[in-house]
Structures are given as C-alpha cells and as structure tokens.
Amino acid sequence: MRLRNVTSSSSKGFSSVEMVITIVIIGILAIVVIPAATSTTGSVRLQGAAGKLLADIQYVRANATAHHDTYGLEFKPDNNEYDVYSFDGVNKTILSDPHTGNAMTMNFENTTQLAGVTLDNAGGCAAGCTEEIRFNAMGEPIDSLGNLLNAAFSITLGVGNATRTIQIEAETGYSRIL
C-alpha cells in the first residue's frame, strides 16, 4: 500500500492579500487598544495616589490620637508634593516612613508608580492659614492656625482630565475618596 502526499502546492504559505489584511487588522487594533491602555494606566495611577494620600491622612490622625499630640500634612501644589509631620506648637518635624525609614515627603513627580499624577489643590480653611491639615490629640481636624475646621477640607489629585478628591470632614476628621 502506497501513502499519498496530500499537500498541495497552493497551501504552502500565505498569499500577499492575506498578509496585507492581517497587517491592516493589527494596525487597527493597535490604534484602538494603545490609547485605551494609556488612559487605564493613568486611572490606575490616580487611584493609587488617592489611596496613598488617604492612608497617609489616616496615619497622621491615628498618630495624633495615639501620641496625644498634633500631627499634620502640608500640601505644596507648586512642587507637586506633600509632607507628613509632627508639630510641637513651634516646629514641624517630618516623620519617617515606618516601612522604609525615609522622610514622609510624597513627591508625585519623583515616584515612578505615580508619575503623571498632579496635586491640583488643597484647602478649605479660613483666610490666613496655609494649605495644610492638622489633627489634634482628639483626632479633630484643625487648620494651620490651630482652629477647628468649620467646613470640609478637600485635596484634589489629577491625571489628564480625570480627578479624584479626598475629603476630610470637619469636626469628625473622617476622610474618604469622593
């Protein structure tokens, strides 16, 4: 019994038309997928930055109540950063990150995972105070002059057209991402 070769000469490769169609389809997919992936990356970075800031706010409030002292965050939108500090009534001392031992200064431009995130604004205090929020020994939010907040304090982060706002409620100090 003889075996036959069932391959025909026309099935040895792709035709030019098939190759062109494949390249066109790949090009169309690239045009659609790459911008979507880029905007998703920005959204993930923005959510990560908002989560980090919220965790730092909660850390500051917890330290204030645990140590019966004043702790705060100073926002510097022009430098795209904020500092986490303790306050003895005269001097601010930047805290050390409990995980890394580094100073707790968050600069979004210098943090690879959060690159592109901007600190757009921070505020909600009376005239004369700076863009910072402090918590007293009771965990109550106060402005840089030591006055209890009479309105919520908001911090806005952005990436492109997307924003996330972190809000700290007056009186309670409850913080959340809006």
Protein backbone atom coordinates (compact mmCIF):
# COMPACT_ATOMS: atom_id res chain seq x y z
CA MET A 1 0.00 0.00 0.00
CA ARG A 2 1.35 3.37 -1.03
CA LEU A 3 0.90 6.51 1.00
CA ARG A 4 -0.02 9.58 -0.88
CA ASN A 5 1.26 13.04 -0.27
CA VAL A 6 -1.87 15.10 0.43
CA THR A 7 -0.23 18.51 0.45
CA SER A 8 -0.96 20.62 -2.50
CA SER A 9 1.32 23.28 -3.83
CA SER A 10 -1.19 26.06 -3.09
CA SER A 11 -1.21 25.55 0.71
CA LYS A 12 2.48 26.16 1.42
CA GLY A 13 2.13 29.74 2.72
CA PHE A 14 0.09 32.91 2.90
CA SER A 15 -0.86 34.92 -0.10
CA SER A 16 0.04 38.60 -0.34
CA VAL A 17 -3.59 39.58 0.12
CA GLU A 18 -3.87 37.56 3.33
CA MET A 19 -0.70 39.19 4.69
CA VAL A 20 -1.92 42.71 3.88
CA ILE A 21 -5.30 42.06 5.51
CA THR A 22 -3.59 40.70 8.64
CA ILE A 23 -1.30 43.75 8.89
CA VAL A 24 -4.25 46.13 8.44
CA ILE A 25 -6.22 44.37 11.20
CA ILE A 26 -3.24 44.51 13.57
CA GLY A 27 -2.82 48.22 12.80
CA ILE A 28 -6.47 48.98 13.52
CA LEU A 29 -6.29 47.06 16.82
CA ALA A 30 -3.16 48.96 17.82
CA ILE A 31 -4.84 52.30 17.13
CA VAL A 32 -7.78 51.33 19.32
CA VAL A 33 -6.00 49.47 22.14
CA ILE A 34 -2.96 51.66 22.84
CA PRO A 35 -4.91 54.85 23.82
CA ALA A 36 -7.27 52.78 25.96
CA ALA A 37 -4.34 51.16 27.75
CA THR A 38 -2.70 54.56 28.31
CA SER A 39 -5.84 56.07 29.85
CA THR A 40 -6.26 52.97 32.03
CA THR A 41 -2.69 53.37 33.29
CA GLY A 42 -3.41 57.00 34.22
CA SER A 43 -6.59 55.97 36.00
CA VAL A 44 -4.75 53.28 37.96
CA ARG A 45 -2.02 55.75 38.94
CA LEU A 46 -4.61 58.31 40.03
CA GLN A 47 -6.46 55.75 42.15
CA GLY A 48 -3.15 54.60 43.64
CA ALA A 49 -2.15 58.17 44.52
CA ALA A 50 -5.55 58.84 46.09
CA GLY A 51 -5.28 55.63 48.13
CA LYS A 52 -1.76 56.56 49.28
CA LEU A 53 -2.87 60.05 50.33
CA LEU A 54 -5.91 58.67 52.16
CA ALA A 55 -3.69 56.16 54.00
CA ASP A 56 -1.28 58.97 54.98
CA ILE A 57 -4.16 61.11 56.28
CA GLN A 58 -5.44 58.20 58.37
CA TYR A 59 -1.89 57.51 59.60
CA VAL A 60 -1.50 61.14 60.71
CA ARG A 61 -4.83 61.13 62.54
CA ALA A 62 -4.01 57.83 64.26
CA ASN A 63 -0.63 59.18 65.40
CA ALA A 64 -2.23 62.33 66.77
CA THR A 65 -4.63 60.36 68.95
CA ALA A 66 -2.09 57.68 69.93
CA HIS A 67 0.61 60.17 70.97
CA HIS A 68 -1.75 62.89 72.26
CA ASP A 69 -0.03 65.46 70.08
CA THR A 70 -0.56 67.42 66.88
CA TYR A 71 0.31 65.85 63.52
CA GLY A 72 -0.35 67.14 60.04
CA LEU A 73 0.13 67.17 56.30
CA GLU A 74 1.42 70.21 54.41
CA PHE A 75 0.46 70.34 50.75
CA LYS A 76 2.70 72.02 48.19
CA PRO A 77 0.85 72.02 44.84
CA ASP A 78 3.60 74.07 43.15
CA ASN A 79 6.10 71.28 43.89
CA ASN A 80 3.51 68.51 43.39
CA GLU A 81 4.20 67.10 46.85
CA TYR A 82 3.12 66.93 50.47
CA ASP A 83 4.91 66.37 53.79
CA VAL A 84 3.74 64.36 56.79
CA TYR A 85 4.89 65.86 60.09
CA SER A 86 4.51 66.14 63.83
CA PHE A 87 4.03 69.61 65.33
CA ASP A 88 5.13 70.60 68.83
CA GLY A 89 3.49 74.03 68.74
CA VAL A 90 6.54 75.72 67.22
CA ASN A 91 8.39 73.33 64.92
CA LYS A 92 7.35 70.79 62.32
CA THR A 93 9.31 67.55 62.21
CA ILE A 94 8.93 65.43 59.07
CA LEU A 95 8.03 61.88 60.07
CA SER A 96 9.96 58.82 58.92
CA ASP A 97 8.07 56.25 56.89
CA PRO A 98 7.63 53.22 59.19
CA HIS A 99 8.29 50.84 56.27
CA THR A 100 11.29 52.46 54.55
CA GLY A 101 12.73 54.79 57.17
CA ASN A 102 12.76 57.61 54.60
CA ALA A 103 11.26 61.03 55.20
CA MET A 104 7.49 61.04 54.61
CA THR A 105 7.57 63.52 51.75
CA MET A 106 5.45 62.35 48.84
CA ASN A 107 6.54 63.89 45.55
CA PHE A 108 4.38 62.57 42.73
CA GLU A 109 6.88 63.55 40.02
CA ASN A 110 9.68 61.54 41.66
CA THR A 111 7.62 58.43 42.34
CA THR A 112 7.69 56.13 39.30
CA GLN A 113 4.41 54.34 40.11
CA LEU A 114 2.57 57.67 40.43
CA ALA A 115 4.25 59.64 37.63
CA GLY A 116 1.83 61.93 35.85
CA VAL A 117 -0.37 62.48 38.92
CA THR A 118 -0.68 66.12 39.95
CA LEU A 119 -1.61 67.69 43.27
CA ASP A 120 -4.08 70.22 41.92
CA ASN A 121 -5.21 71.94 45.10
CA ALA A 122 -5.72 71.56 48.80
CA GLY A 123 -7.81 73.76 51.01
CA GLY A 124 -10.86 74.53 52.95
CA CYS A 125 -9.51 76.62 55.80
CA ALA A 126 -10.11 80.21 56.84
CA ALA A 127 -8.13 83.17 55.49
CA GLY A 128 -4.57 83.35 56.77
CA CYS A 129 -3.90 79.64 57.04
CA THR A 130 -1.74 77.59 54.70
CA GLU A 131 -2.53 74.55 52.58
CA GLU A 132 -2.20 72.09 55.38
CA ILE A 133 -4.36 70.00 57.63
CA ARG A 134 -3.54 69.04 61.19
CA PHE A 135 -5.14 66.72 63.70
CA ASN A 136 -5.13 67.49 67.41
CA ALA A 137 -4.82 64.95 70.23
CA MET A 138 -8.54 64.18 69.95
CA GLY A 139 -8.22 63.40 66.23
CA GLU A 140 -10.13 66.53 65.28
CA PRO A 141 -9.04 68.30 62.09
CA ILE A 142 -7.61 71.79 62.62
CA ASP A 143 -6.13 74.39 60.29
CA SER A 144 -2.58 75.73 60.42
CA LEU A 145 -3.69 78.38 62.94
CA GLY A 146 -4.97 75.71 65.36
CA ASN A 147 -8.66 76.40 64.76
CA LEU A 148 -11.17 73.58 64.38
CA LEU A 149 -12.33 73.31 60.78
CA ASN A 150 -15.79 74.68 60.14
CA ALA A 151 -16.02 73.12 56.67
CA ALA A 152 -14.64 70.04 54.95
CA PHE A 153 -11.02 70.13 53.77
CA SER A 154 -10.52 68.81 50.22
CA ILE A 155 -7.46 67.72 48.28
CA THR A 156 -7.74 67.20 44.53
CA LEU A 157 -5.41 64.98 42.53
CA GLY A 158 -5.46 64.73 38.75
CA VAL A 159 -4.19 62.88 35.69
CA GLY A 160 -5.16 64.45 32.37
CA ASN A 161 -8.88 65.23 32.58
CA ALA A 162 -9.56 62.77 35.40
CA THR A 163 -9.57 63.87 39.05
CA ARG A 164 -10.03 62.32 42.48
CA THR A 165 -10.90 64.34 45.54
CA ILE A 166 -10.04 63.30 49.07
CA GLN A 167 -12.27 64.97 51.63
CA ILE A 168 -11.74 65.34 55.38
CA GLU A 169 -14.92 66.12 57.27
CA ALA A 170 -14.92 68.99 59.74
CA GLU A 171 -15.41 68.00 63.41
CA THR A 172 -15.04 64.23 62.92
CA GLY A 173 -11.91 64.03 60.77
CA TYR A 174 -13.48 61.22 58.75
CA SER A 175 -11.66 61.04 55.42
CA ARG A 176 -12.70 59.44 52.15
CA ILE A 177 -12.14 59.44 48.41
CA LEU A 178 -15.05 61.01 46.56
